[in-house]
Amino acid sequence: LASDEAYVARFLREAQAVAALKNRHTITVHDFGVTEDGQLYFAMELLEGLPLTDVIETESPIPFERAVDFLTQTCDSLAEAHEAGILHRDLKPDNLFITKNDGEEFLTVLDFGIAKKVSQATPTVRITDTGMIPGTPHYVSPEQAHGREATPCSDLYALGIILYEMLCGHPPFDADSGVGVLLKHIQELPTPLTVAHPFLDIHPSVDDLLAVLLDKDPQRRPQTARQFSKLLIEYRDRIRREEEALLDGPALQGSASTLEETDAPMAPTALKRAPMRDSESTAPGTVRAVSRENPPLRDTDLDTLDSITLEDLEEETTSGLDDEGVEGSGVPWRWIAAVVAAAAAAAGLLFWRPWELLGL
């Protein structure tokens, strides 16, 4: 590559552009150039920490608030780069590096398109004899998989994939080959986390957020890194308010004496989802909410239902009852039914007002 004058000129031009980025969440490029023997080089700041890949492998599922914190820092870096006309084109957990800054987790974005141009080991997927798709298949946007040019929305789609992966430990699409993964980006919708992982503590609104971030149409995704970050914060704050309302709700405000009167556990109050935006709108960032009136059955529910037949239900209903009476009571059940019917009739007579029928 160093013998290709056009490539060297492009490398130096892009290296100069990346070196001009000053955002604190972007890796600092100290120097770059060509050695006397023709080798291209660049020197970056030394970071001590670990890539997000390692965090996901050892700590996933990552709580939503922590994941949002990582991605808002990433968006801070991307906002400056995109506004300068620089696309990353290979965002993935390996290129998001976590260090500690005064005890807080600090994220730095690595590799704005320089390293992959000089490294033959970087994963790429050939889709035609003449074209290559830069990037890693699991994080490539549908438009890139179609062979179209990357845009800022393409970088933001990769962030949506990373969010999904942080929350459950794996990206939404996988296959036996890179091309198979690309086809899924184009053709398939990601399985909602509340369906794929029903036992994880995932708020249903997170699936609504992911549906927007991973929309196949780039025009329906957030258009800028700042919009992306704002949407993340809106969802984080909304979920936080709902959880606080749950803890402060009437169901948990009983007096100490009331709580001491019973040993029965309190049933948790269901979280109420905040009103979503117009489901028919095609504006960027619009949420198209999915109805969850009938939540998906868990495996244990399916096993239980499969083991119960109509005959079992009938046998369970009539178990212990016969024509002679209720089990253990010695009282004929038909007499009990007659007494109940008589009581109901008497109640009706007490509350019947004949003059109301006459309009008096």
Protein backbone atom coordinates (compact mmCIF):
# COMPACT_ATOMS: atom_id res chain seq x y z
CA LEU A 1 0.00 0.00 0.00
CA ALA A 2 2.84 2.38 0.75
CA SER A 3 3.90 2.12 -2.91
CA ASP A 4 0.51 3.47 -4.04
CA GLU A 5 0.90 7.25 -4.21
CA ALA A 6 -2.86 7.84 -4.23
CA TYR A 7 -3.29 5.68 -1.15
CA VAL A 8 -0.45 7.41 0.70
CA ALA A 9 -1.95 10.81 -0.11
CA ARG A 10 -5.36 9.70 1.20
CA PHE A 11 -3.79 8.20 4.34
CA LEU A 12 -1.98 11.43 5.15
CA ARG A 13 -5.07 13.52 4.41
CA GLU A 14 -7.33 11.43 6.66
CA ALA A 15 -4.69 11.14 9.38
CA GLN A 16 -4.39 14.92 9.43
CA ALA A 17 -8.18 15.26 9.72
CA VAL A 18 -8.39 12.76 12.61
CA ALA A 19 -5.40 14.35 14.36
CA ALA A 20 -7.34 17.62 14.31
CA LEU A 21 -10.16 16.11 16.42
CA LYS A 22 -9.94 17.42 19.96
CA ASN A 23 -12.89 15.81 21.74
CA ARG A 24 -11.80 14.24 25.00
CA HIS A 25 -13.55 10.95 24.08
CA THR A 26 -11.57 10.62 20.81
CA ILE A 27 -8.16 8.97 20.78
CA THR A 28 -5.40 11.55 20.42
CA VAL A 29 -3.13 11.15 17.38
CA HIS A 30 0.25 12.68 18.27
CA ASP A 31 2.11 12.12 15.03
CA PHE A 32 1.85 10.48 11.61
CA GLY A 33 3.77 10.30 8.36
CA VAL A 34 6.02 8.16 6.16
CA THR A 35 9.39 6.79 7.26
CA GLU A 36 12.52 7.06 5.11
CA ASP A 37 12.01 3.46 3.95
CA GLY A 38 8.40 4.16 2.94
CA GLN A 39 6.49 2.81 5.95
CA LEU A 40 3.30 4.62 6.94
CA TYR A 41 2.94 5.29 10.65
CA PHE A 42 0.93 7.15 13.25
CA ALA A 43 1.44 7.47 16.99
CA MET A 44 -1.46 7.66 19.44
CA GLU A 45 -1.80 8.32 23.16
CA LEU A 46 -1.28 5.35 25.47
CA LEU A 47 -4.40 4.25 27.31
CA GLU A 48 -4.53 1.90 30.28
CA GLY A 49 -7.79 0.02 30.59
CA LEU A 50 -9.71 -2.51 28.55
CA PRO A 51 -11.93 -2.58 25.46
CA LEU A 52 -15.69 -2.73 25.82
CA THR A 53 -15.48 -6.25 24.37
CA ASP A 54 -13.90 -7.46 27.60
CA VAL A 55 -16.49 -5.67 29.72
CA ILE A 56 -19.31 -7.37 27.79
CA GLU A 57 -17.67 -10.79 28.03
CA THR A 58 -17.14 -10.59 31.79
CA GLU A 59 -20.00 -8.39 33.04
CA SER A 60 -22.97 -8.68 30.68
CA PRO A 61 -25.82 -8.15 30.91
CA ILE A 62 -24.82 -4.53 31.49
CA PRO A 63 -27.52 -2.40 33.19
CA PHE A 64 -29.32 -0.02 30.85
CA GLU A 65 -28.16 3.14 32.65
CA ARG A 66 -24.51 2.09 32.45
CA ALA A 67 -24.90 1.19 28.77
CA VAL A 68 -26.44 4.60 28.10
CA ASP A 69 -23.50 6.25 29.86
CA PHE A 70 -21.04 4.43 27.57
CA LEU A 71 -22.96 5.38 24.42
CA THR A 72 -23.53 9.03 25.28
CA GLN A 73 -19.75 9.36 25.68
CA THR A 74 -19.33 7.69 22.30
CA CYS A 75 -21.83 10.12 20.76
CA ASP A 76 -19.85 13.02 22.20
CA SER A 77 -16.87 11.85 20.15
CA LEU A 78 -18.88 11.08 17.02
CA ALA A 79 -20.66 14.45 17.02
CA GLU A 80 -17.38 16.31 16.50
CA ALA A 81 -16.11 13.79 13.94
CA HIS A 82 -19.32 13.75 11.88
CA GLU A 83 -19.52 17.53 11.88
CA ALA A 84 -15.96 17.54 10.51
CA GLY A 85 -17.00 15.13 7.76
CA ILE A 86 -15.25 12.11 9.27
CA LEU A 87 -17.03 8.77 9.55
CA HIS A 88 -15.77 5.97 11.72
CA ARG A 89 -17.10 3.07 9.59
CA ASP A 90 -15.95 0.36 12.00
CA LEU A 91 -17.63 1.01 15.35
CA LYS A 92 -17.66 -2.10 17.51
CA PRO A 93 -16.88 -2.96 21.16
CA ASP A 94 -13.19 -3.52 20.28
CA ASN A 95 -12.92 0.14 19.28
CA LEU A 96 -14.52 1.55 22.44
CA PHE A 97 -11.93 1.64 25.21
CA ILE A 98 -12.77 1.97 28.91
CA THR A 99 -10.41 3.62 31.39
CA LYS A 100 -10.90 4.99 34.90
CA ASN A 101 -10.95 8.75 35.45
CA ASP A 102 -11.26 9.80 39.10
CA GLY A 103 -13.10 6.55 39.77
CA GLU A 104 -15.54 7.11 36.89
CA GLU A 105 -15.62 4.97 33.76
CA PHE A 106 -14.28 7.00 30.84
CA LEU A 107 -14.77 5.89 27.23
CA THR A 108 -12.44 6.68 24.34
CA VAL A 109 -13.24 5.96 20.68
CA LEU A 110 -10.38 4.34 18.77
CA ASP A 111 -9.56 3.93 15.06
CA PHE A 112 -11.26 6.56 12.95
CA GLY A 113 -10.56 4.74 9.71
CA ILE A 114 -6.76 4.87 9.82
CA ALA A 115 -5.69 1.53 11.28
CA LYS A 116 -7.95 -0.57 9.11
CA LYS A 117 -6.44 0.94 5.96
CA VAL A 118 -2.98 -0.30 6.89
CA SER A 119 -3.91 -3.59 8.58
CA GLN A 120 -4.57 -6.62 6.43
CA ALA A 121 -6.05 -8.48 9.42
CA THR A 122 -9.09 -6.21 9.80
CA PRO A 123 -12.30 -8.13 8.96
CA THR A 124 -13.98 -7.16 5.71
CA VAL A 125 -16.65 -8.91 3.70
CA ARG A 126 -16.43 -9.24 -0.09
CA ILE A 127 -19.87 -8.97 -1.69
CA THR A 128 -18.84 -8.53 -5.32
CA ASP A 129 -15.71 -9.04 -7.38
CA THR A 130 -15.12 -5.29 -7.40
CA GLY A 131 -16.27 -4.07 -4.01
CA MET A 132 -15.41 -4.55 -0.37
CA ILE A 133 -17.51 -3.59 2.63
CA PRO A 134 -15.29 -2.05 5.31
CA GLY A 135 -16.11 -2.94 8.87
CA THR A 136 -17.13 -5.96 10.87
CA PRO A 137 -20.25 -7.86 9.66
CA HIS A 138 -22.12 -7.89 12.99
CA TYR A 139 -22.08 -4.07 13.16
CA VAL A 140 -22.55 -3.13 9.49
CA SER A 141 -25.67 -1.12 8.64
CA PRO A 142 -28.26 -2.40 6.12
CA GLU A 143 -27.35 0.33 3.63
CA GLN A 144 -23.67 -0.66 3.80
CA ALA A 145 -24.66 -4.30 3.37
CA HIS A 146 -26.51 -3.22 0.21
CA GLY A 147 -23.22 -1.76 -1.03
CA ARG A 148 -24.22 1.89 -0.58
CA GLU A 149 -22.01 4.58 0.91
CA ALA A 150 -21.83 4.89 4.67
CA THR A 151 -23.34 7.95 6.35
CA PRO A 152 -23.46 9.22 9.94
CA CYS A 153 -26.62 7.10 10.31
CA SER A 154 -24.51 4.04 9.54
CA ASP A 155 -22.20 4.76 12.46
CA LEU A 156 -25.26 5.28 14.70
CA TYR A 157 -26.79 1.96 13.57
CA ALA A 158 -23.61 0.27 14.83
CA LEU A 159 -24.17 1.96 18.21
CA GLY A 160 -27.67 0.46 18.31
CA ILE A 161 -26.16 -2.98 17.73
CA ILE A 162 -23.64 -2.36 20.52
CA LEU A 163 -26.44 -1.31 22.88
CA TYR A 164 -28.34 -4.54 22.16
CA GLU A 165 -25.14 -6.55 22.76
CA MET A 166 -24.36 -4.82 26.06
CA LEU A 167 -27.84 -5.51 27.42
CA CYS A 168 -27.86 -9.26 26.70
CA GLY A 169 -24.30 -10.33 25.89
CA HIS A 170 -24.57 -10.92 22.13
CA PRO A 171 -25.42 -8.91 18.98
CA PRO A 172 -28.91 -9.31 17.50
CA PHE A 173 -27.80 -11.03 14.28
CA ASP A 174 -25.52 -14.02 13.82
CA ALA A 175 -24.92 -16.62 11.11
CA ASP A 176 -22.35 -19.13 9.92
CA SER A 177 -20.75 -16.63 7.53
CA GLY A 178 -20.21 -12.90 7.19
CA VAL A 179 -22.50 -12.77 4.18
CA GLY A 180 -25.20 -14.54 6.19
CA VAL A 181 -24.93 -11.87 8.88
CA LEU A 182 -25.19 -9.11 6.26
CA LEU A 183 -28.35 -10.67 4.84
CA LYS A 184 -29.92 -10.63 8.29
CA HIS A 185 -29.12 -6.94 8.65
CA ILE A 186 -30.99 -6.41 5.39
CA GLN A 187 -33.92 -8.81 5.81
CA GLU A 188 -34.60 -9.56 9.48
CA LEU A 189 -35.80 -7.59 12.47
CA PRO A 190 -33.95 -8.04 15.75
CA THR A 191 -35.77 -10.20 18.29
CA PRO A 192 -37.03 -7.93 21.12
CA LEU A 193 -34.97 -8.38 24.25
CA THR A 194 -38.08 -8.99 26.35
CA VAL A 195 -38.83 -11.95 24.05
CA ALA A 196 -35.29 -13.25 23.51
CA HIS A 197 -34.39 -12.90 27.19
CA PRO A 198 -37.63 -12.76 29.21
CA PHE A 199 -35.87 -13.34 32.52
CA LEU A 200 -33.52 -10.34 32.19
CA ASP A 201 -34.53 -7.12 33.88
CA ILE A 202 -35.29 -5.29 30.61
CA HIS A 203 -37.90 -2.54 30.62
CA PRO A 204 -40.29 -2.93 27.64
CA SER A 205 -39.53 0.63 26.50
CA VAL A 206 -35.96 -0.44 25.73
CA ASP A 207 -37.30 -2.61 22.91
CA ASP A 208 -39.14 0.42 21.53
CA LEU A 209 -35.88 2.37 21.60
CA LEU A 210 -33.96 -0.41 19.84
CA ALA A 211 -36.65 -0.63 17.16
CA VAL A 212 -35.89 3.01 16.28
CA LEU A 213 -32.12 2.73 16.47
CA LEU A 214 -32.05 -0.43 14.32
CA ASP A 215 -34.64 0.60 11.74
CA LYS A 216 -33.74 -0.67 8.26
CA ASP A 217 -34.47 2.78 6.81
CA PRO A 218 -31.72 5.23 7.82
CA GLN A 219 -34.16 8.12 7.46
CA ARG A 220 -36.19 6.78 10.39
CA ARG A 221 -33.19 6.57 12.71
CA PRO A 222 -31.72 9.49 14.64
CA GLN A 223 -29.89 11.59 12.04
CA THR A 224 -27.06 12.91 14.19
CA ALA A 225 -25.01 11.73 17.14
CA ARG A 226 -26.54 14.51 19.23
CA GLN A 227 -30.08 13.29 18.41
CA PHE A 228 -29.01 9.75 19.23
CA SER A 229 -27.61 10.82 22.60
CA LYS A 230 -30.70 12.90 23.41
CA LEU A 231 -32.98 9.94 22.64
CA LEU A 232 -30.94 7.66 24.92
CA ILE A 233 -31.17 10.16 27.77
CA GLU A 234 -34.94 10.63 27.26
CA TYR A 235 -35.54 6.89 27.56
CA ARG A 236 -33.17 6.54 30.52
CA ASP A 237 -34.92 9.37 32.39
CA ARG A 238 -38.40 8.06 31.53
CA ILE A 239 -37.62 4.58 32.79
CA ARG A 240 -35.99 6.05 35.90
CA ARG A 241 -39.14 8.10 36.65
CA GLU A 242 -41.37 5.06 36.19
CA GLU A 243 -39.24 2.99 38.55
CA GLU A 244 -39.26 5.78 41.14
CA ALA A 245 -43.04 6.07 40.80
CA LEU A 246 -43.29 2.32 41.34
CA LEU A 247 -41.33 2.55 44.56
CA ASP A 248 -43.33 5.56 45.78
CA GLY A 249 -46.72 4.28 44.55
CA PRO A 250 -49.80 3.71 46.73
CA ALA A 251 -49.19 -0.03 46.84
CA LEU A 252 -46.04 0.57 48.86
CA GLN A 253 -47.33 3.40 51.08
CA GLY A 254 -49.17 1.30 53.67
CA SER A 255 -48.58 2.06 57.32
CA ALA A 256 -46.22 -0.05 59.37
CA SER A 257 -49.14 -1.45 61.34
CA THR A 258 -50.87 -2.52 58.13
CA LEU A 259 -47.75 -4.29 56.94
CA GLU A 260 -47.41 -6.05 60.27
CA GLU A 261 -50.96 -7.37 60.17
CA THR A 262 -50.23 -9.77 57.34
CA ASP A 263 -47.40 -12.02 56.37
CA ALA A 264 -48.62 -12.28 52.78
CA PRO A 265 -46.13 -10.84 50.26
CA MET A 266 -47.23 -7.72 48.42
CA ALA A 267 -47.86 -8.11 44.70
CA PRO A 268 -45.57 -5.85 42.68
CA THR A 269 -47.28 -3.01 40.84
CA ALA A 270 -46.84 -3.29 37.08
CA LEU A 271 -44.86 -0.51 35.43
CA LYS A 272 -47.04 1.72 33.30
CA ARG A 273 -45.42 2.71 30.03
CA ALA A 274 -45.33 6.41 29.20
CA PRO A 275 -47.39 7.53 26.20
CA MET A 276 -45.43 6.95 23.03
CA ARG A 277 -45.31 9.15 20.00
CA ASP A 278 -47.52 8.78 16.92
CA SER A 279 -47.11 5.21 15.67
CA GLU A 280 -47.91 6.28 12.08
CA SER A 281 -45.29 9.03 11.94
CA THR A 282 -42.16 8.51 9.87
CA ALA A 283 -40.22 11.35 11.49
CA PRO A 284 -36.71 10.42 12.68
CA GLY A 285 -36.72 9.08 16.20
CA THR A 286 -40.44 8.23 16.14
CA VAL A 287 -41.27 5.20 18.27
CA ARG A 288 -43.57 2.60 16.79
CA ALA A 289 -44.74 0.89 19.95
CA VAL A 290 -45.44 -2.82 19.91
CA SER A 291 -48.53 -4.00 21.76
CA ARG A 292 -47.77 -6.15 24.77
CA GLU A 293 -51.31 -6.84 25.94
CA ASN A 294 -50.54 -10.54 25.67
CA PRO A 295 -46.95 -10.93 26.89
CA PRO A 296 -44.92 -13.82 25.47
CA LEU A 297 -45.05 -17.10 27.33
CA ARG A 298 -41.91 -18.25 29.05
CA ASP A 299 -40.62 -21.77 28.63
CA THR A 300 -41.95 -22.74 32.05
CA ASP A 301 -45.40 -21.45 31.08
CA LEU A 302 -45.37 -23.52 27.90
CA ASP A 303 -44.36 -26.64 29.78
CA THR A 304 -47.16 -26.12 32.26
CA LEU A 305 -49.81 -25.52 29.62
CA ASP A 306 -48.71 -28.48 27.54
CA SER A 307 -49.08 -30.78 30.53
CA ILE A 308 -52.72 -29.86 31.23
CA THR A 309 -55.56 -31.35 29.14
CA LEU A 310 -59.30 -30.61 29.13
CA GLU A 311 -59.91 -33.93 30.87
CA ASP A 312 -57.45 -32.90 33.58
CA LEU A 313 -59.35 -29.66 34.12
CA GLU A 314 -62.70 -31.42 34.33
CA GLU A 315 -61.32 -34.02 36.73
CA GLU A 316 -59.74 -31.29 38.89
CA THR A 317 -62.99 -29.29 38.96
CA THR A 318 -65.17 -32.25 40.02
CA SER A 319 -62.56 -33.86 42.27
CA GLY A 320 -63.97 -34.61 45.71
CA LEU A 321 -67.61 -33.86 44.70
CA ASP A 322 -70.40 -36.40 44.16
CA ASP A 323 -74.18 -36.56 44.27
CA GLU A 324 -74.08 -37.20 47.99
CA GLY A 325 -72.44 -33.91 48.94
CA VAL A 326 -69.30 -31.84 49.38
CA GLU A 327 -66.22 -33.79 50.43
CA GLY A 328 -65.97 -34.08 54.19
CA SER A 329 -69.11 -32.00 54.88
CA GLY A 330 -71.95 -34.55 54.83
CA VAL A 331 -74.21 -31.83 53.37
CA PRO A 332 -75.81 -32.61 49.97
CA TRP A 333 -74.50 -30.07 47.50
CA ARG A 334 -77.93 -29.74 45.82
CA TRP A 335 -79.35 -28.43 49.14
CA ILE A 336 -76.53 -25.91 49.34
CA ALA A 337 -77.35 -24.70 45.85
CA ALA A 338 -81.05 -24.36 46.78
CA VAL A 339 -80.25 -22.30 49.87
CA VAL A 340 -77.98 -19.97 47.86
CA ALA A 341 -80.68 -19.51 45.20
CA ALA A 342 -83.30 -18.71 47.85
CA ALA A 343 -81.02 -16.14 49.45
CA ALA A 344 -80.42 -14.46 46.10
CA ALA A 345 -84.17 -14.31 45.43
CA ALA A 346 -84.82 -12.81 48.83
CA ALA A 347 -82.20 -10.13 48.19
CA GLY A 348 -83.90 -9.29 44.91
CA LEU A 349 -87.29 -8.81 46.64
CA LEU A 350 -85.78 -6.51 49.24
CA PHE A 351 -84.34 -4.18 46.62
CA TRP A 352 -87.21 -4.32 44.11
CA ARG A 353 -89.32 -1.15 44.03
CA PRO A 354 -92.52 -1.76 42.03
CA TRP A 355 -93.43 1.94 41.95
CA GLU A 356 -90.30 2.60 39.89
CA LEU A 357 -91.70 0.43 37.13
CA LEU A 358 -94.86 2.63 37.13
CA GLY A 359 -92.83 5.77 36.87
CA LEU A 360 -94.00 7.01 40.30
